[in-house]
Amino acid sequence: MKIVKLKAWNIQKIKDIEIEPDGSMVVIAGRNRQGKSSLLNCVKFLFEGKNAIGDKALREGADKGGIVATLDNGLIVKRAFTGKDSYLTIEAQDGAKYKSAQSMLDAMRPAFLDPTALARQSPAKQLETLRGLVGLDVSDLDAKRKVAYEERTAVGGAMRQHNAEIADKVPYEIPAGVAPVGELTMELDRRRSVNEEANATMRRQKDRVTLVGNLTGELTAARKKVKELEASLKAELKTTTEMALKVLEIKREDEQEIRDLLTASEENASKAAHNKALIEGKAKAEASLIEYDGLTQTIDVIDAERGQRMKDVQWPIDGLAIADNGITYNGLPFPDNASTSEETVVWTAISMGLNPKLKVLLIHHGNDLDAESRKRMFDMTSAAGYQVWLEVCDENDSDAQVVIEDGQVKDVE
């Protein structure tokens, strides 16, 4: 549906106008603050109602106003304004009024009369709007990719940690021929026991020598006890002699040899533990790399499927697409890398897809369009059967159908 006739009075800066637009591009020209935007707002107020009107619909000083649009299907949409509210009616060509005017309007109401309203959405909302329009749902792939990406990030961190732990380490060379630590410890304990027994024997021998000396002194001092002492002395001398012979036979064993071997064995055990840790670290790093590569392949498969879904989409304009973080146009983030003209054309194309019934679009900043972009928009909208109301500030614009001056249509010779 398109507008074939528009009447309005006492709406914002509009005094009283009647327009019968011709063609797909309705260019509204005029100087600033003459009522061009108010004229486009009349269309907006008529179809969008209370959400668009706000508190300042009526012209200053007026207590009543109205907007009437005749559509190409014969319907006549009217909205009457008072100081407090507005009232909607829809009539057929013969004047019959429809009882369910609001329901009819809701059915034909466009998502966006003004394409630039899309530009005022948040990037997330813009992305949601475009996905809804083209029927593209990659939430399942996004969820899978997020899980795989987070897993790969964790594996990558572990892999870097494993590599850092072994980065400056080299395996030790362990000398051959050194007995294990356990065996050497047992041998050292045995030799220590033998030597302690030898020391004890030598101490006992020393004590015996002392005892002999004492007994001899006592013999000299107490000759009268000599017989008893001689017997005791003889026995002790015999025992002492026997022990002296044993002392001569004692051979001390070298403890230091075992200590040295034990030190070497402990060093070998430490080196073996180091080498084992190094081997295990390399194994963990290699396993992490394999897992990391596997997750990368998973992400690549997800991205490929996502790309295929993108190719299968019927986009509202060539060059438009959806990337991981938002909308792109000709491969670049949109609208950040688009000119003002390109941005207006792209938003218009999206709005066309969102407005399948009421094929009317309002563009307030027509001066942002260069000649090439305006022609591109005209070709695009006319081919799809849309009507674009375009506001420009140049009264002498060659495409101008209507010139607004002081809230009225200016007579142009």
Protein backbone atom coordinates (compact mmCIF):
# COMPACT_ATOMS: atom_id res chain seq x y z
CA MET A 1 0.00 0.00 0.00
CA LYS A 2 1.12 3.53 -0.83
CA ILE A 3 -0.26 7.02 -0.24
CA VAL A 4 -2.01 8.62 -3.22
CA LYS A 5 -3.31 11.65 -1.33
CA LEU A 6 -2.34 13.35 1.93
CA LYS A 7 -4.16 16.16 3.74
CA ALA A 8 -3.09 17.72 7.04
CA TRP A 9 -3.91 20.81 9.05
CA ASN A 10 -2.67 22.33 12.31
CA ILE A 11 0.01 19.68 12.88
CA GLN A 12 3.30 21.03 14.28
CA LYS A 13 4.38 23.66 11.71
CA ILE A 14 1.81 22.58 9.10
CA LYS A 15 -1.08 25.03 8.60
CA ASP A 16 -3.05 23.37 5.85
CA ILE A 17 -1.74 21.21 3.03
CA GLU A 18 -3.01 18.76 0.43
CA ILE A 19 -0.62 16.66 -1.63
CA GLU A 20 -1.15 14.05 -4.32
CA PRO A 21 2.28 12.42 -4.64
CA ASP A 22 3.40 11.17 -8.02
CA GLY A 23 5.90 8.34 -8.48
CA SER A 24 8.06 6.42 -6.08
CA MET A 25 10.20 9.34 -4.89
CA VAL A 26 8.27 12.19 -3.24
CA VAL A 27 10.81 14.97 -2.72
CA ILE A 28 9.68 17.61 -0.18
CA ALA A 29 11.79 20.77 -0.51
CA GLY A 30 11.99 24.03 1.38
CA ARG A 31 14.09 26.18 3.63
CA ASN A 32 14.77 25.28 7.24
CA ARG A 33 11.93 25.58 9.80
CA GLN A 34 9.24 25.87 7.15
CA GLY A 35 7.46 22.58 7.90
CA LYS A 36 9.18 19.89 5.80
CA SER A 37 9.89 17.67 8.80
CA SER A 38 6.38 18.35 10.10
CA LEU A 39 4.95 17.07 6.81
CA LEU A 40 6.87 13.80 7.11
CA ASN A 41 5.83 13.62 10.77
CA CYS A 42 2.21 13.78 9.64
CA VAL A 43 2.69 10.42 7.91
CA LYS A 44 4.50 9.10 10.98
CA PHE A 45 1.80 10.32 13.40
CA LEU A 46 -0.97 8.93 11.24
CA PHE A 47 0.33 5.37 11.17
CA GLU A 48 2.36 5.08 14.38
CA GLY A 49 -0.10 6.81 16.70
CA LYS A 50 0.55 7.64 20.35
CA ASN A 51 4.06 6.18 20.46
CA ALA A 52 5.20 8.68 17.83
CA ILE A 53 3.01 11.69 18.58
CA GLY A 54 4.10 12.71 22.05
CA ASP A 55 2.76 15.93 23.56
CA LYS A 56 3.44 18.38 20.72
CA ALA A 57 1.41 17.30 17.73
CA LEU A 58 -0.85 20.34 17.35
CA ARG A 59 0.33 23.58 15.80
CA GLU A 60 0.95 26.28 18.38
CA GLY A 61 -2.28 28.12 19.15
CA ALA A 62 -4.53 25.47 17.58
CA ASP A 63 -6.94 23.32 19.59
CA LYS A 64 -7.77 20.88 16.78
CA GLY A 65 -5.95 19.32 13.85
CA GLY A 66 -6.07 16.35 11.56
CA ILE A 67 -4.37 14.10 9.05
CA VAL A 68 -6.05 12.16 6.25
CA ALA A 69 -4.29 9.75 3.88
CA THR A 70 -5.90 8.00 0.93
CA LEU A 71 -4.16 4.74 0.07
CA ASP A 72 -3.88 3.13 -3.35
CA ASN A 73 -6.20 0.31 -2.24
CA GLY A 74 -9.00 2.82 -1.59
CA LEU A 75 -8.75 2.92 2.20
CA ILE A 76 -8.87 6.34 3.85
CA VAL A 77 -6.98 6.61 7.12
CA LYS A 78 -7.86 9.55 9.36
CA ARG A 79 -6.53 10.78 12.65
CA ALA A 80 -8.17 13.72 14.41
CA PHE A 81 -6.24 15.61 17.08
CA THR A 82 -7.39 17.54 20.13
CA GLY A 83 -5.35 19.11 22.84
CA LYS A 84 -5.44 15.89 24.86
CA ASP A 85 -5.66 12.95 22.48
CA SER A 86 -6.02 11.70 18.91
CA TYR A 87 -8.74 9.59 17.31
CA LEU A 88 -8.30 7.09 14.51
CA THR A 89 -10.85 6.11 11.88
CA ILE A 90 -10.51 4.08 8.67
CA GLU A 91 -13.06 4.38 5.90
CA ALA A 92 -13.74 2.68 2.60
CA GLN A 93 -14.11 4.72 -0.60
CA ASP A 94 -17.88 4.82 -0.16
CA GLY A 95 -17.54 6.36 3.30
CA ALA A 96 -18.24 3.23 5.30
CA LYS A 97 -16.28 3.16 8.53
CA TYR A 98 -14.49 0.08 9.79
CA LYS A 99 -15.19 -0.82 13.40
CA SER A 100 -11.78 -2.33 14.04
CA ALA A 101 -9.71 0.61 12.81
CA GLN A 102 -6.88 0.07 15.28
CA SER A 103 -6.59 -3.63 14.45
CA MET A 104 -6.48 -2.80 10.73
CA LEU A 105 -3.79 -0.21 11.37
CA ASP A 106 -1.79 -2.64 13.50
CA ALA A 107 -1.87 -5.15 10.64
CA MET A 108 -0.50 -2.68 8.11
CA ARG A 109 1.74 -0.67 10.44
CA PRO A 110 5.38 -0.74 9.31
CA ALA A 111 8.21 -1.69 11.62
CA PHE A 112 10.15 1.40 10.57
CA LEU A 113 8.65 4.27 8.59
CA ASP A 114 11.91 6.16 9.09
CA PRO A 115 14.88 3.99 8.04
CA THR A 116 17.27 6.12 10.07
CA ALA A 117 15.47 4.97 13.20
CA LEU A 118 17.36 1.72 12.67
CA ALA A 119 20.59 3.68 12.99
CA ARG A 120 19.52 4.82 16.44
CA GLN A 121 19.22 1.27 17.72
CA SER A 122 22.02 -0.31 19.66
CA PRO A 123 24.37 -2.51 17.55
CA ALA A 124 22.97 -5.61 19.30
CA LYS A 125 19.40 -4.59 18.47
CA GLN A 126 20.34 -3.80 14.86
CA LEU A 127 21.85 -7.27 14.56
CA GLU A 128 18.72 -8.84 16.06
CA THR A 129 16.48 -6.87 13.66
CA LEU A 130 18.46 -7.91 10.59
CA ARG A 131 18.60 -11.56 11.67
CA GLY A 132 14.85 -11.54 12.16
CA LEU A 133 14.34 -10.00 8.72
CA VAL A 134 16.45 -12.51 6.78
CA GLY A 135 15.52 -15.47 8.98
CA LEU A 136 19.11 -16.16 9.93
CA ASP A 137 19.54 -18.05 13.18
CA VAL A 138 23.09 -19.08 14.01
CA SER A 139 22.59 -19.09 17.76
CA ASP A 140 23.27 -22.84 17.86
CA LEU A 141 26.55 -22.36 16.01
CA ASP A 142 27.45 -19.34 18.14
CA ALA A 143 26.88 -21.41 21.29
CA LYS A 144 29.01 -24.30 19.98
CA ARG A 145 31.72 -21.91 18.85
CA LYS A 146 31.73 -20.15 22.22
CA VAL A 147 32.19 -23.47 24.05
CA ALA A 148 34.96 -24.61 21.68
CA TYR A 149 36.68 -21.21 21.81
CA GLU A 150 36.63 -21.13 25.63
CA GLU A 151 37.94 -24.71 25.78
CA ARG A 152 40.69 -23.87 23.30
CA THR A 153 41.60 -20.78 25.32
CA ALA A 154 41.94 -22.90 28.48
CA VAL A 155 43.97 -25.55 26.64
CA GLY A 156 46.18 -22.85 25.14
CA GLY A 157 46.87 -21.47 28.62
CA ALA A 158 47.79 -24.92 29.92
CA MET A 159 49.99 -25.54 26.89
CA ARG A 160 51.85 -22.26 27.44
CA GLN A 161 52.33 -23.15 31.11
CA HIS A 162 53.71 -26.61 30.25
CA ASN A 163 56.11 -25.09 27.72
CA ALA A 164 57.21 -22.44 30.23
CA GLU A 165 57.95 -25.12 32.83
CA ILE A 166 60.30 -27.01 30.50
CA ALA A 167 61.62 -24.06 28.49
CA ASP A 168 65.01 -23.75 30.25
CA LYS A 169 65.43 -27.39 31.21
CA VAL A 170 67.71 -29.96 29.55
CA PRO A 171 68.06 -33.64 30.51
CA TYR A 172 70.99 -34.63 32.74
CA GLU A 173 73.53 -37.34 31.86
CA ILE A 174 73.49 -39.93 34.67
CA PRO A 175 76.87 -41.72 35.23
CA ALA A 176 76.76 -45.50 35.08
CA GLY A 177 78.17 -47.88 37.71
CA VAL A 178 76.76 -46.17 40.80
CA ALA A 179 74.63 -48.43 42.98
CA PRO A 180 71.13 -47.34 43.97
CA VAL A 181 70.69 -45.10 46.99
CA GLY A 182 68.91 -47.81 48.97
CA GLU A 183 71.71 -50.36 48.63
CA LEU A 184 74.39 -47.84 49.50
CA THR A 185 72.47 -46.67 52.54
CA MET A 186 72.26 -50.23 53.83
CA GLU A 187 76.01 -50.77 53.26
CA LEU A 188 76.81 -47.51 55.04
CA ASP A 189 74.69 -48.57 58.02
CA ARG A 190 76.51 -51.96 58.16
CA ARG A 191 79.95 -50.37 58.09
CA ARG A 192 78.92 -47.80 60.67
CA SER A 193 77.77 -50.66 62.96
CA VAL A 194 81.10 -52.51 62.50
CA ASN A 195 83.09 -49.39 63.33
CA GLU A 196 80.95 -48.60 66.37
CA GLU A 197 81.62 -52.13 67.70
CA ALA A 198 85.36 -51.64 67.11
CA ASN A 199 85.27 -48.36 69.00
CA ALA A 200 83.46 -50.07 71.88
CA THR A 201 86.09 -52.85 71.98
CA MET A 202 88.92 -50.32 72.07
CA ARG A 203 87.23 -48.46 74.91
CA ARG A 204 86.90 -51.70 76.87
CA GLN A 205 90.57 -52.47 76.26
CA LYS A 206 91.54 -49.06 77.55
CA ASP A 207 89.48 -49.66 80.62
CA ARG A 208 91.28 -52.99 81.15
CA VAL A 209 94.67 -51.35 80.90
CA THR A 210 93.62 -48.85 83.53
CA LEU A 211 92.37 -51.61 85.75
CA VAL A 212 95.71 -53.49 85.45
CA GLY A 213 97.55 -50.34 86.43
CA ASN A 214 95.37 -49.91 89.46
CA LEU A 215 95.81 -53.49 90.51
CA THR A 216 99.58 -53.26 90.15
CA GLY A 217 99.59 -50.17 92.34
CA GLU A 218 97.52 -51.92 94.91
CA LEU A 219 99.93 -54.92 94.82
CA THR A 220 102.87 -52.65 95.52
CA ALA A 221 101.01 -50.84 98.26
CA ALA A 222 99.63 -53.96 99.92
CA ARG A 223 102.14 -56.77 99.65
CA LYS A 224 100.23 -58.70 102.22
CA LYS A 225 97.46 -59.18 99.73
CA VAL A 226 99.78 -60.19 96.96
CA LYS A 227 98.71 -63.76 96.77
CA GLU A 228 95.08 -62.87 96.26
CA LEU A 229 95.95 -60.07 93.91
CA GLU A 230 98.40 -62.21 91.97
CA ALA A 231 95.68 -64.68 91.20
CA SER A 232 93.36 -61.87 90.16
CA LEU A 233 96.14 -60.21 88.24
CA LYS A 234 97.00 -63.40 86.46
CA ALA A 235 93.43 -63.83 85.34
CA GLU A 236 93.12 -60.24 84.27
CA LEU A 237 96.45 -60.38 82.46
CA LYS A 238 95.27 -63.40 80.57
CA THR A 239 92.04 -61.69 79.58
CA THR A 240 93.86 -58.49 78.71
CA THR A 241 96.33 -60.41 76.61
CA GLU A 242 93.55 -62.09 74.72
CA MET A 243 91.79 -58.80 74.11
CA ALA A 244 95.04 -57.16 73.01
CA LEU A 245 95.39 -59.87 70.40
CA LYS A 246 91.86 -59.13 69.20
CA VAL A 247 92.61 -55.41 68.99
CA LEU A 248 95.60 -56.16 66.83
CA GLU A 249 93.31 -58.09 64.52
CA ILE A 250 90.73 -55.27 64.20
CA LYS A 251 90.44 -53.68 60.73
CA ARG A 252 88.50 -50.38 60.45
CA GLU A 253 86.26 -50.05 57.36
CA ASP A 254 86.10 -46.90 55.20
CA GLU A 255 82.80 -45.05 55.78
CA GLN A 256 83.72 -42.12 53.55
CA GLU A 257 83.73 -44.35 50.49
CA ILE A 258 80.06 -45.16 51.07
CA ARG A 259 79.27 -41.52 51.86
CA ASP A 260 80.74 -40.48 48.53
CA LEU A 261 78.85 -43.21 46.70
CA LEU A 262 75.67 -42.25 48.53
CA THR A 263 76.09 -38.61 47.47
CA ALA A 264 76.60 -39.70 43.86
CA SER A 265 73.57 -41.99 44.01
CA GLU A 266 71.38 -39.21 45.44
CA GLU A 267 72.51 -36.90 42.64
CA ASN A 268 71.61 -39.58 40.10
CA ALA A 269 68.16 -40.00 41.67
CA SER A 270 67.61 -36.21 41.52
CA LYS A 271 68.67 -36.14 37.88
CA ALA A 272 66.41 -39.09 37.06
CA ALA A 273 63.47 -37.27 38.69
CA HIS A 274 64.34 -34.16 36.71
CA ASN A 275 64.46 -36.13 33.45
CA LYS A 276 61.14 -37.80 34.24
CA ALA A 277 59.47 -34.44 34.92
CA LEU A 278 60.94 -33.08 31.67
CA ILE A 279 59.56 -36.01 29.68
CA GLU A 280 56.14 -35.68 31.32
CA GLY A 281 56.13 -31.90 30.69
CA LYS A 282 56.90 -32.39 27.01
CA ALA A 283 54.17 -35.02 26.79
CA LYS A 284 51.64 -32.65 28.37
CA ALA A 285 52.66 -29.82 26.02
CA GLU A 286 52.34 -32.09 23.00
CA ALA A 287 48.94 -33.37 24.18
CA SER A 288 47.76 -29.79 24.73
CA LEU A 289 48.88 -28.84 21.22
CA ILE A 290 46.96 -31.78 19.74
CA GLU A 291 43.84 -30.81 21.71
CA TYR A 292 44.28 -27.15 20.75
CA ASP A 293 44.56 -28.02 17.06
CA GLY A 294 41.47 -30.24 17.34
CA LEU A 295 39.45 -27.41 18.84
CA THR A 296 40.71 -25.06 16.13
CA GLN A 297 39.45 -27.52 13.52
CA THR A 298 36.10 -27.64 15.35
CA ILE A 299 35.87 -23.85 15.23
CA ASP A 300 36.80 -23.89 11.52
CA VAL A 301 33.99 -26.37 10.82
CA ILE A 302 31.52 -24.22 12.76
CA ASP A 303 32.69 -21.10 10.89
CA ALA A 304 32.34 -22.89 7.56
CA GLU A 305 28.78 -23.94 8.34
CA ARG A 306 28.03 -20.43 9.53
CA GLY A 307 29.46 -19.05 6.28
CA GLN A 308 27.29 -21.42 4.25
CA ARG A 309 24.20 -20.27 6.10
CA MET A 310 25.21 -16.70 5.31
CA LYS A 311 25.47 -17.54 1.60
CA ASP A 312 22.00 -19.07 1.63
CA VAL A 313 20.42 -15.89 3.03
CA GLN A 314 18.49 -13.52 0.75
CA TRP A 315 19.92 -10.18 1.88
CA PRO A 316 17.89 -6.98 1.38
CA ILE A 317 20.84 -5.37 -0.45
CA ASP A 318 23.98 -6.76 -2.06
CA GLY A 319 27.07 -6.55 0.13
CA LEU A 320 25.18 -6.80 3.42
CA ALA A 321 26.19 -9.60 5.81
CA ILE A 322 26.46 -10.54 9.48
CA ALA A 323 29.83 -11.10 11.14
CA ASP A 324 30.71 -12.32 14.64
CA ASN A 325 30.32 -8.90 16.23
CA GLY A 326 27.73 -7.18 14.09
CA ILE A 327 26.58 -6.12 10.64
CA THR A 328 29.03 -5.68 7.74
CA TYR A 329 28.64 -4.01 4.37
CA ASN A 330 31.03 -4.81 1.54
CA GLY A 331 33.19 -6.69 4.04
CA LEU A 332 33.57 -3.78 6.51
CA PRO A 333 31.82 -3.11 9.83
CA PHE A 334 28.55 -1.26 9.27
CA PRO A 335 27.73 1.56 9.74
CA ASP A 336 31.13 2.64 11.09
CA ASN A 337 32.88 2.35 7.72
CA ALA A 338 30.03 3.51 5.48
CA SER A 339 29.46 6.99 4.11
CA THR A 340 26.32 8.85 5.16
CA SER A 341 24.82 8.19 1.72
CA GLU A 342 25.62 4.47 1.88
CA GLU A 343 24.24 4.25 5.39
CA THR A 344 20.93 5.83 4.36
CA VAL A 345 20.58 3.52 1.35
CA VAL A 346 21.34 0.39 3.40
CA TRP A 347 18.92 1.30 6.21
CA THR A 348 16.29 2.01 3.56
CA ALA A 349 16.83 -1.42 1.99
CA ILE A 350 16.44 -3.08 5.41
CA SER A 351 13.32 -1.02 6.17
CA MET A 352 11.78 -2.15 2.88
CA GLY A 353 12.17 -5.74 3.99
CA LEU A 354 10.57 -4.90 7.34
CA ASN A 355 7.61 -3.08 5.76
CA PRO A 356 5.93 -5.57 3.41
CA LYS A 357 2.42 -4.05 3.61
CA LEU A 358 2.55 -0.27 3.93
CA LYS A 359 5.23 0.51 1.38
CA VAL A 360 5.95 4.02 2.60
CA LEU A 361 9.32 5.25 3.90
CA LEU A 362 10.30 8.64 5.35
CA ILE A 363 13.79 10.10 5.02
CA HIS A 364 14.33 13.40 6.82
CA HIS A 365 17.93 14.10 5.83
CA GLY A 366 17.75 13.84 2.07
CA ASN A 367 20.64 16.28 1.70
CA ASP A 368 22.93 13.52 2.98
CA LEU A 369 22.35 11.66 -0.28
CA ASP A 370 24.59 12.50 -3.21
CA ALA A 371 23.16 12.26 -6.74
CA GLU A 372 24.41 8.71 -7.27
CA SER A 373 22.99 7.47 -3.97
CA ARG A 374 19.66 9.18 -4.59
CA LYS A 375 19.39 7.48 -8.00
CA ARG A 376 20.36 4.16 -6.46
CA MET A 377 17.66 4.57 -3.82
CA PHE A 378 15.09 5.57 -6.45
CA ASP A 379 15.89 2.54 -8.60
CA MET A 380 15.83 0.22 -5.58
CA THR A 381 12.56 1.49 -4.07
CA SER A 382 10.67 1.91 -7.33
CA ALA A 383 11.63 -1.60 -8.47
CA ALA A 384 10.13 -2.98 -5.26
CA GLY A 385 7.05 -0.77 -5.44
CA TYR A 386 7.88 1.47 -2.47
CA GLN A 387 7.16 5.15 -1.99
CA VAL A 388 9.89 7.27 -0.42
CA TRP A 389 9.16 10.69 1.05
CA LEU A 390 12.47 12.57 0.95
CA GLU A 391 13.12 15.85 2.74
CA VAL A 392 15.67 18.30 1.25
CA CYS A 393 16.59 21.89 2.10
CA ASP A 394 17.06 23.10 -1.50
CA GLU A 395 13.95 24.77 -2.92
CA ASN A 396 15.45 24.46 -6.39
CA ASP A 397 16.01 20.70 -6.18
CA SER A 398 15.25 19.34 -9.64
CA ASP A 399 13.33 16.39 -8.21
CA ALA A 400 11.15 18.41 -5.84
CA GLN A 401 7.44 17.65 -6.11
CA VAL A 402 6.40 19.87 -3.22
CA VAL A 403 7.96 23.01 -1.75
CA ILE A 404 6.89 23.88 1.80
CA GLU A 405 6.90 27.46 3.01
CA ASP A 406 5.46 28.64 6.31
CA GLY A 407 3.55 25.38 6.81
CA GLN A 408 1.85 25.40 3.41
CA VAL A 409 2.52 24.21 -0.11
CA LYS A 410 4.26 26.98 -2.00
CA ASP A 411 3.08 27.77 -5.48
CA VAL A 412 5.95 27.11 -7.88
CA GLU A 413 5.84 28.60 -11.38
